[in-house]
Amino acid sequence: MKKELKFNTNIKCMGCVAQVTSELNELAGAEQWEVDITTPSKVLTVKSDTLDHADIIAAVAKAGFSAAPVVDPVPQ
């Protein structure tokens, strides 16, 4: 089963998504990632069973953007 990796990004519009598309398609594969540009934190979700956070962060940085892993709050 593929794990979901989530990142807060500065990918703000469809033009920005277009700029990261080739990097993320090459790394994760088309249809294996999406950016929700409607949320304030612009969350990138990547589905993969082989990639880790560093791989995704490097690909996003190569396209000129930043990404930071989403940290789930600790349950109380």
PDB file of N, CA and C in Angstrom:
ATOM      1  N   MET A   1       0.839  -1.189   0.000  1.00  0.00           N
ATOM      2  CA  MET A   1       0.000   0.000   0.000  1.00  0.00           C
ATOM      3  C   MET A   1       0.884   1.252   0.000  1.00  0.00           C
ATOM      4  N   LYS A   2       0.534   2.193  -0.819  1.00  0.00           N
ATOM      5  CA  LYS A   2       1.325   3.417  -0.916  1.00  0.00           C
ATOM      6  C   LYS A   2       1.054   4.323   0.277  1.00  0.00           C
ATOM      7  N   LYS A   3       2.126   4.944   0.759  1.00  0.00           N
ATOM      8  CA  LYS A   3       1.967   5.917   1.836  1.00  0.00           C
ATOM      9  C   LYS A   3       1.741   7.292   1.238  1.00  0.00           C
ATOM     10  N   GLU A   4       1.081   8.145   1.993  1.00  0.00           N
ATOM     11  CA  GLU A   4       0.851   9.530   1.570  1.00  0.00           C
ATOM     12  C   GLU A   4       1.807  10.435   2.318  1.00  0.00           C
ATOM     13  N   LEU A   5       2.592  11.181   1.581  1.00  0.00           N
ATOM     14  CA  LEU A   5       3.486  12.176   2.163  1.00  0.00           C
ATOM     15  C   LEU A   5       2.872  13.539   1.893  1.00  0.00           C
ATOM     16  N   LYS A   6       2.753  14.372   2.923  1.00  0.00           N
ATOM     17  CA  LYS A   6       2.136  15.694   2.771  1.00  0.00           C
ATOM     18  C   LYS A   6       3.137  16.774   3.149  1.00  0.00           C
ATOM     19  N   PHE A   7       3.079  17.871   2.375  1.00  0.00           N
ATOM     20  CA  PHE A   7       4.010  18.978   2.556  1.00  0.00           C
ATOM     21  C   PHE A   7       3.280  20.305   2.448  1.00  0.00           C
ATOM     22  N   ASN A   8       3.679  21.254   3.284  1.00  0.00           N
ATOM     23  CA  ASN A   8       3.263  22.641   3.103  1.00  0.00           C
ATOM     24  C   ASN A   8       4.241  23.238   2.097  1.00  0.00           C
ATOM     25  N   THR A   9       3.721  23.984   1.122  1.00  0.00           N
ATOM     26  CA  THR A   9       4.584  24.509   0.057  1.00  0.00           C
ATOM     27  C   THR A   9       4.294  25.979  -0.207  1.00  0.00           C
ATOM     28  N   ASN A  10       5.092  26.557  -1.088  1.00  0.00           N
ATOM     29  CA  ASN A  10       4.828  27.904  -1.593  1.00  0.00           C
ATOM     30  C   ASN A  10       4.422  27.848  -3.069  1.00  0.00           C
ATOM     31  N   ILE A  11       3.823  26.730  -3.473  1.00  0.00           N
ATOM     32  CA  ILE A  11       3.285  26.554  -4.825  1.00  0.00           C
ATOM     33  C   ILE A  11       1.890  27.170  -4.819  1.00  0.00           C
ATOM     34  N   LYS A  12       1.757  28.389  -5.368  1.00  0.00           N
ATOM     35  CA  LYS A  12       0.567  29.202  -5.139  1.00  0.00           C
ATOM     36  C   LYS A  12      -0.486  29.183  -6.237  1.00  0.00           C
ATOM     37  N   CYS A  13      -0.131  28.815  -7.463  1.00  0.00           N
ATOM     38  CA  CYS A  13      -1.094  28.934  -8.563  1.00  0.00           C
ATOM     39  C   CYS A  13      -0.851  27.821  -9.578  1.00  0.00           C
ATOM     40  N   MET A  14      -1.704  27.762 -10.583  1.00  0.00           N
ATOM     41  CA  MET A  14      -1.558  26.726 -11.606  1.00  0.00           C
ATOM     42  C   MET A  14      -0.266  26.902 -12.411  1.00  0.00           C
ATOM     43  N   GLY A  15       0.195  28.131 -12.546  1.00  0.00           N
ATOM     44  CA  GLY A  15       1.477  28.360 -13.204  1.00  0.00           C
ATOM     45  C   GLY A  15       2.619  27.746 -12.409  1.00  0.00           C
ATOM     46  N   CYS A  16       2.536  27.863 -11.089  1.00  0.00           N
ATOM     47  CA  CYS A  16       3.543  27.252 -10.216  1.00  0.00           C
ATOM     48  C   CYS A  16       3.473  25.727 -10.303  1.00  0.00           C
ATOM     49  N   VAL A  17       2.249  25.198 -10.320  1.00  0.00           N
ATOM     50  CA  VAL A  17       2.069  23.747 -10.450  1.00  0.00           C
ATOM     51  C   VAL A  17       2.717  23.277 -11.749  1.00  0.00           C
ATOM     52  N   ALA A  18       2.528  24.034 -12.814  1.00  0.00           N
ATOM     53  CA  ALA A  18       3.130  23.674 -14.106  1.00  0.00           C
ATOM     54  C   ALA A  18       4.652  23.608 -14.007  1.00  0.00           C
ATOM     55  N   GLN A  19       5.242  24.498 -13.200  1.00  0.00           N
ATOM     56  CA  GLN A  19       6.697  24.515 -13.061  1.00  0.00           C
ATOM     57  C   GLN A  19       7.231  23.292 -12.324  1.00  0.00           C
ATOM     58  N   VAL A  20       6.471  22.732 -11.392  1.00  0.00           N
ATOM     59  CA  VAL A  20       6.935  21.557 -10.647  1.00  0.00           C
ATOM     60  C   VAL A  20       6.506  20.245 -11.286  1.00  0.00           C
ATOM     61  N   THR A  21       5.609  20.312 -12.265  1.00  0.00           N
ATOM     62  CA  THR A  21       5.044  19.095 -12.849  1.00  0.00           C
ATOM     63  C   THR A  21       6.099  18.137 -13.387  1.00  0.00           C
ATOM     64  N   SER A  22       7.040  18.612 -14.168  1.00  0.00           N
ATOM     65  CA  SER A  22       8.016  17.691 -14.751  1.00  0.00           C
ATOM     66  C   SER A  22       8.867  17.017 -13.673  1.00  0.00           C
ATOM     67  N   GLU A  23       9.270  17.778 -12.663  1.00  0.00           N
ATOM     68  CA  GLU A  23      10.083  17.197 -11.586  1.00  0.00           C
ATOM     69  C   GLU A  23       9.302  16.129 -10.818  1.00  0.00           C
ATOM     70  N   LEU A  24       8.062  16.453 -10.456  1.00  0.00           N
ATOM     71  CA  LEU A  24       7.271  15.503  -9.660  1.00  0.00           C
ATOM     72  C   LEU A  24       6.788  14.320 -10.491  1.00  0.00           C
ATOM     73  N   ASN A  25       6.469  14.544 -11.754  1.00  0.00           N
ATOM     74  CA  ASN A  25       6.085  13.416 -12.607  1.00  0.00           C
ATOM     75  C   ASN A  25       7.241  12.446 -12.781  1.00  0.00           C
ATOM     76  N   GLU A  26       8.440  12.997 -12.969  1.00  0.00           N
ATOM     77  CA  GLU A  26       9.620  12.148 -13.129  1.00  0.00           C
ATOM     78  C   GLU A  26       9.917  11.371 -11.853  1.00  0.00           C
ATOM     79  N   LEU A  27       9.766  12.009 -10.713  1.00  0.00           N
ATOM     80  CA  LEU A  27      10.095  11.378  -9.439  1.00  0.00           C
ATOM     81  C   LEU A  27       9.008  10.421  -8.964  1.00  0.00           C
ATOM     82  N   ALA A  28       7.772  10.890  -8.921  1.00  0.00           N
ATOM     83  CA  ALA A  28       6.687  10.113  -8.321  1.00  0.00           C
ATOM     84  C   ALA A  28       5.773   9.458  -9.350  1.00  0.00           C
ATOM     85  N   GLY A  29       5.745  10.013 -10.550  1.00  0.00           N
ATOM     86  CA  GLY A  29       4.836   9.511 -11.575  1.00  0.00           C
ATOM     87  C   GLY A  29       3.592  10.380 -11.661  1.00  0.00           C
ATOM     88  N   ALA A  30       3.104  10.547 -12.877  1.00  0.00           N
ATOM     89  CA  ALA A  30       1.875  11.317 -13.076  1.00  0.00           C
ATOM     90  C   ALA A  30       0.749  10.640 -12.304  1.00  0.00           C
ATOM     91  N   GLU A  31      -0.179  11.423 -11.829  1.00  0.00           N
ATOM     92  CA  GLU A  31      -1.342  10.938 -11.072  1.00  0.00           C
ATOM     93  C   GLU A  31      -0.984  10.452  -9.671  1.00  0.00           C
ATOM     94  N   GLN A  32       0.278  10.609  -9.257  1.00  0.00           N
ATOM     95  CA  GLN A  32       0.685  10.163  -7.919  1.00  0.00           C
ATOM     96  C   GLN A  32       0.912  11.336  -6.970  1.00  0.00           C
ATOM     97  N   TRP A  33       0.603  12.534  -7.435  1.00  0.00           N
ATOM     98  CA  TRP A  33       0.792  13.719  -6.597  1.00  0.00           C
ATOM     99  C   TRP A  33      -0.235  14.771  -6.983  1.00  0.00           C
ATOM    100  N   GLU A  34      -0.496  15.677  -6.030  1.00  0.00           N
ATOM    101  CA  GLU A  34      -1.375  16.812  -6.299  1.00  0.00           C
ATOM    102  C   GLU A  34      -1.061  17.924  -5.310  1.00  0.00           C
ATOM    103  N   VAL A  35      -1.340  19.152  -5.724  1.00  0.00           N
ATOM    104  CA  VAL A  35      -1.171  20.316  -4.859  1.00  0.00           C
ATOM    105  C   VAL A  35      -2.546  20.957  -4.696  1.00  0.00           C
ATOM    106  N   ASP A  36      -2.945  21.162  -3.448  1.00  0.00           N
ATOM    107  CA  ASP A  36      -4.201  21.858  -3.177  1.00  0.00           C
ATOM    108  C   ASP A  36      -3.880  23.337  -3.021  1.00  0.00           C
ATOM    109  N   ILE A  37      -4.012  24.094  -4.109  1.00  0.00           N
ATOM    110  CA  ILE A  37      -3.667  25.517  -4.074  1.00  0.00           C
ATOM    111  C   ILE A  37      -4.786  26.363  -3.465  1.00  0.00           C
ATOM    112  N   THR A  38      -5.897  25.725  -3.076  1.00  0.00           N
ATOM    113  CA  THR A  38      -7.006  26.472  -2.468  1.00  0.00           C
ATOM    114  C   THR A  38      -6.842  26.636  -0.969  1.00  0.00           C
ATOM    115  N   THR A  39      -5.901  25.916  -0.361  1.00  0.00           N
ATOM    116  CA  THR A  39      -5.688  26.022   1.084  1.00  0.00           C
ATOM    117  C   THR A  39      -4.551  27.000   1.370  1.00  0.00           C
ATOM    118  N   PRO A  40      -4.578  27.644   2.532  1.00  0.00           N
ATOM    119  CA  PRO A  40      -3.506  28.604   2.860  1.00  0.00           C
ATOM    120  C   PRO A  40      -2.108  27.986   2.866  1.00  0.00           C
ATOM    121  N   SER A  41      -1.989  26.715   3.255  1.00  0.00           N
ATOM    122  CA  SER A  41      -0.661  26.096   3.332  1.00  0.00           C
ATOM    123  C   SER A  41      -0.246  25.403   2.037  1.00  0.00           C
ATOM    124  N   LYS A  42      -1.110  25.453   0.987  1.00  0.00           N
ATOM    125  CA  LYS A  42      -0.774  24.915  -0.342  1.00  0.00           C
ATOM    126  C   LYS A  42      -0.197  23.505  -0.237  1.00  0.00           C
ATOM    127  N   VAL A  43      -0.991  22.576   0.271  1.00  0.00           N
ATOM    128  CA  VAL A  43      -0.523  21.234   0.602  1.00  0.00           C
ATOM    129  C   VAL A  43      -0.279  20.383  -0.648  1.00  0.00           C
ATOM    130  N   LEU A  44       0.936  19.853  -0.724  1.00  0.00           N
ATOM    131  CA  LEU A  44       1.334  18.892  -1.744  1.00  0.00           C
ATOM    132  C   LEU A  44       1.193  17.502  -1.133  1.00  0.00           C
ATOM    133  N   THR A  45       0.471  16.621  -1.808  1.00  0.00           N
ATOM    134  CA  THR A  45       0.325  15.234  -1.369  1.00  0.00           C
ATOM    135  C   THR A  45       0.940  14.341  -2.430  1.00  0.00           C
ATOM    136  N   VAL A  46       1.838  13.455  -1.993  1.00  0.00           N
ATOM    137  CA  VAL A  46       2.501  12.517  -2.892  1.00  0.00           C
ATOM    138  C   VAL A  46       2.223  11.110  -2.391  1.00  0.00           C
ATOM    139  N   LYS A  47       1.807  10.229  -3.291  1.00  0.00           N
ATOM    140  CA  LYS A  47       1.571   8.824  -2.947  1.00  0.00           C
ATOM    141  C   LYS A  47       2.718   7.992  -3.496  1.00  0.00           C
ATOM    142  N   SER A  48       3.400   7.271  -2.595  1.00  0.00           N
ATOM    143  CA  SER A  48       4.545   6.460  -3.018  1.00  0.00           C
ATOM    144  C   SER A  48       4.862   5.418  -1.958  1.00  0.00           C
ATOM    145  N   ASP A  49       5.416   4.303  -2.414  1.00  0.00           N
ATOM    146  CA  ASP A  49       5.900   3.310  -1.461  1.00  0.00           C
ATOM    147  C   ASP A  49       7.425   3.280  -1.418  1.00  0.00           C
ATOM    148  N   THR A  50       8.073   4.158  -2.203  1.00  0.00           N
ATOM    149  CA  THR A  50       9.536   4.146  -2.239  1.00  0.00           C
ATOM    150  C   THR A  50      10.179   5.493  -1.912  1.00  0.00           C
ATOM    151  N   LEU A  51       9.461   6.587  -2.055  1.00  0.00           N
ATOM    152  CA  LEU A  51      10.051   7.911  -1.841  1.00  0.00           C
ATOM    153  C   LEU A  51       9.975   8.313  -0.374  1.00  0.00           C
ATOM    154  N   ASP A  52      10.896   9.186   0.020  1.00  0.00           N
ATOM    155  CA  ASP A  52      10.819   9.743   1.372  1.00  0.00           C
ATOM    156  C   ASP A  52      10.735  11.266   1.282  1.00  0.00           C
ATOM    157  N   HIS A  53      10.620  11.898   2.429  1.00  0.00           N
ATOM    158  CA  HIS A  53      10.447  13.350   2.472  1.00  0.00           C
ATOM    159  C   HIS A  53      11.578  14.083   1.746  1.00  0.00           C
ATOM    160  N   ALA A  54      12.804  13.639   1.946  1.00  0.00           N
ATOM    161  CA  ALA A  54      13.959  14.316   1.347  1.00  0.00           C
ATOM    162  C   ALA A  54      13.889  14.289  -0.183  1.00  0.00           C
ATOM    163  N   ASP A  55      13.432  13.179  -0.754  1.00  0.00           N
ATOM    164  CA  ASP A  55      13.305  13.081  -2.209  1.00  0.00           C
ATOM    165  C   ASP A  55      12.358  14.145  -2.755  1.00  0.00           C
ATOM    166  N   ILE A  56      11.205  14.283  -2.094  1.00  0.00           N
ATOM    167  CA  ILE A  56      10.190  15.230  -2.550  1.00  0.00           C
ATOM    168  C   ILE A  56      10.674  16.664  -2.362  1.00  0.00           C
ATOM    169  N   ILE A  57      11.238  16.953  -1.207  1.00  0.00           N
ATOM    170  CA  ILE A  57      11.735  18.305  -0.922  1.00  0.00           C
ATOM    171  C   ILE A  57      12.779  18.711  -1.961  1.00  0.00           C
ATOM    172  N   ALA A  58      13.670  17.786  -2.325  1.00  0.00           N
ATOM    173  CA  ALA A  58      14.708  18.084  -3.318  1.00  0.00           C
ATOM    174  C   ALA A  58      14.095  18.350  -4.694  1.00  0.00           C
ATOM    175  N   ALA A  59      13.094  17.582  -5.093  1.00  0.00           N
ATOM    176  CA  ALA A  59      12.462  17.779  -6.402  1.00  0.00           C
ATOM    177  C   ALA A  59      11.742  19.120  -6.462  1.00  0.00           C
ATOM    178  N   VAL A  60      11.042  19.472  -5.392  1.00  0.00           N
ATOM    179  CA  VAL A  60      10.334  20.752  -5.343  1.00  0.00           C
ATOM    180  C   VAL A  60      11.339  21.900  -5.372  1.00  0.00           C
ATOM    181  N   ALA A  61      12.443  21.765  -4.634  1.00  0.00           N
ATOM    182  CA  ALA A  61      13.478  22.803  -4.614  1.00  0.00           C
ATOM    183  C   ALA A  61      14.123  22.957  -5.993  1.00  0.00           C
ATOM    184  N   LYS A  62      14.318  21.851  -6.700  1.00  0.00           N
ATOM    185  CA  LYS A  62      14.912  21.901  -8.038  1.00  0.00           C
ATOM    186  C   LYS A  62      14.040  22.722  -8.990  1.00  0.00           C
ATOM    187  N   ALA A  63      12.724  22.712  -8.739  1.00  0.00           N
ATOM    188  CA  ALA A  63      11.795  23.493  -9.558  1.00  0.00           C
ATOM    189  C   ALA A  63      11.667  24.934  -9.069  1.00  0.00           C
ATOM    190  N   GLY A  64      12.357  25.271  -7.965  1.00  0.00           N
ATOM    191  CA  GLY A  64      12.370  26.650  -7.488  1.00  0.00           C
ATOM    192  C   GLY A  64      11.380  26.967  -6.382  1.00  0.00           C
ATOM    193  N   PHE A  65      10.864  25.938  -5.722  1.00  0.00           N
ATOM    194  CA  PHE A  65       9.885  26.143  -4.653  1.00  0.00           C
ATOM    195  C   PHE A  65      10.366  25.471  -3.374  1.00  0.00           C
ATOM    196  N   SER A  66       9.634  25.707  -2.291  1.00  0.00           N
ATOM    197  CA  SER A  66       9.997  25.079  -1.022  1.00  0.00           C
ATOM    198  C   SER A  66       8.871  24.175  -0.554  1.00  0.00           C
ATOM    199  N   ALA A  67       9.251  23.170   0.218  1.00  0.00           N
ATOM    200  CA  ALA A  67       8.289  22.230   0.791  1.00  0.00           C
ATOM    201  C   ALA A  67       8.778  21.815   2.162  1.00  0.00           C
ATOM    202  N   ALA A  68       7.850  21.710   3.107  1.00  0.00           N
ATOM    203  CA  ALA A  68       8.167  21.258   4.459  1.00  0.00           C
ATOM    204  C   ALA A  68       7.129  20.214   4.855  1.00  0.00           C
ATOM    205  N   PRO A  69       7.575  19.105   5.428  1.00  0.00           N
ATOM    206  CA  PRO A  69       6.623  18.061   5.793  1.00  0.00           C
ATOM    207  C   PRO A  69       5.536  18.587   6.732  1.00  0.00           C
ATOM    208  N   VAL A  70       4.312  18.136   6.494  1.00  0.00           N
ATOM    209  CA  VAL A  70       3.205  18.458   7.395  1.00  0.00           C
ATOM    210  C   VAL A  70       3.370  17.570   8.621  1.00  0.00           C
ATOM    211  N   VAL A  71       3.351  18.198   9.782  1.00  0.00           N
ATOM    212  CA  VAL A  71       3.490  17.451  11.029  1.00  0.00           C
ATOM    213  C   VAL A  71       2.107  17.298  11.637  1.00  0.00           C
ATOM    214  N   ASP A  72       1.683  16.040  11.787  1.00  0.00           N
ATOM    215  CA  ASP A  72       0.394  15.779  12.416  1.00  0.00           C
ATOM    216  C   ASP A  72       0.491  16.107  13.893  1.00  0.00           C
ATOM    217  N   PRO A  73      -0.553  16.743  14.453  1.00  0.00           N
ATOM    218  CA  PRO A  73      -0.526  17.035  15.885  1.00  0.00           C
ATOM    219  C   PRO A  73      -0.495  15.740  16.690  1.00  0.00           C
ATOM    220  N   VAL A  74       0.158  15.801  17.820  1.00  0.00           N
ATOM    221  CA  VAL A  74       0.245  14.642  18.700  1.00  0.00           C
ATOM    222  C   VAL A  74      -1.115  14.434  19.373  1.00  0.00           C
ATOM    223  N   PRO A  75      -1.682  13.211  19.262  1.00  0.00           N
ATOM    224  CA  PRO A  75      -2.982  12.992  19.913  1.00  0.00           C
ATOM    225  C   PRO A  75      -2.851  13.079  21.427  1.00  0.00           C
ATOM    226  N   GLN A  76      -3.906  13.580  22.041  1.00  0.00           N
ATOM    227  CA  GLN A  76      -3.843  13.729  23.517  1.00  0.00           C
ATOM    228  C   GLN A  76      -4.688  12.698  24.197  1.00  0.00           C
TER     229      GLN A  76
END
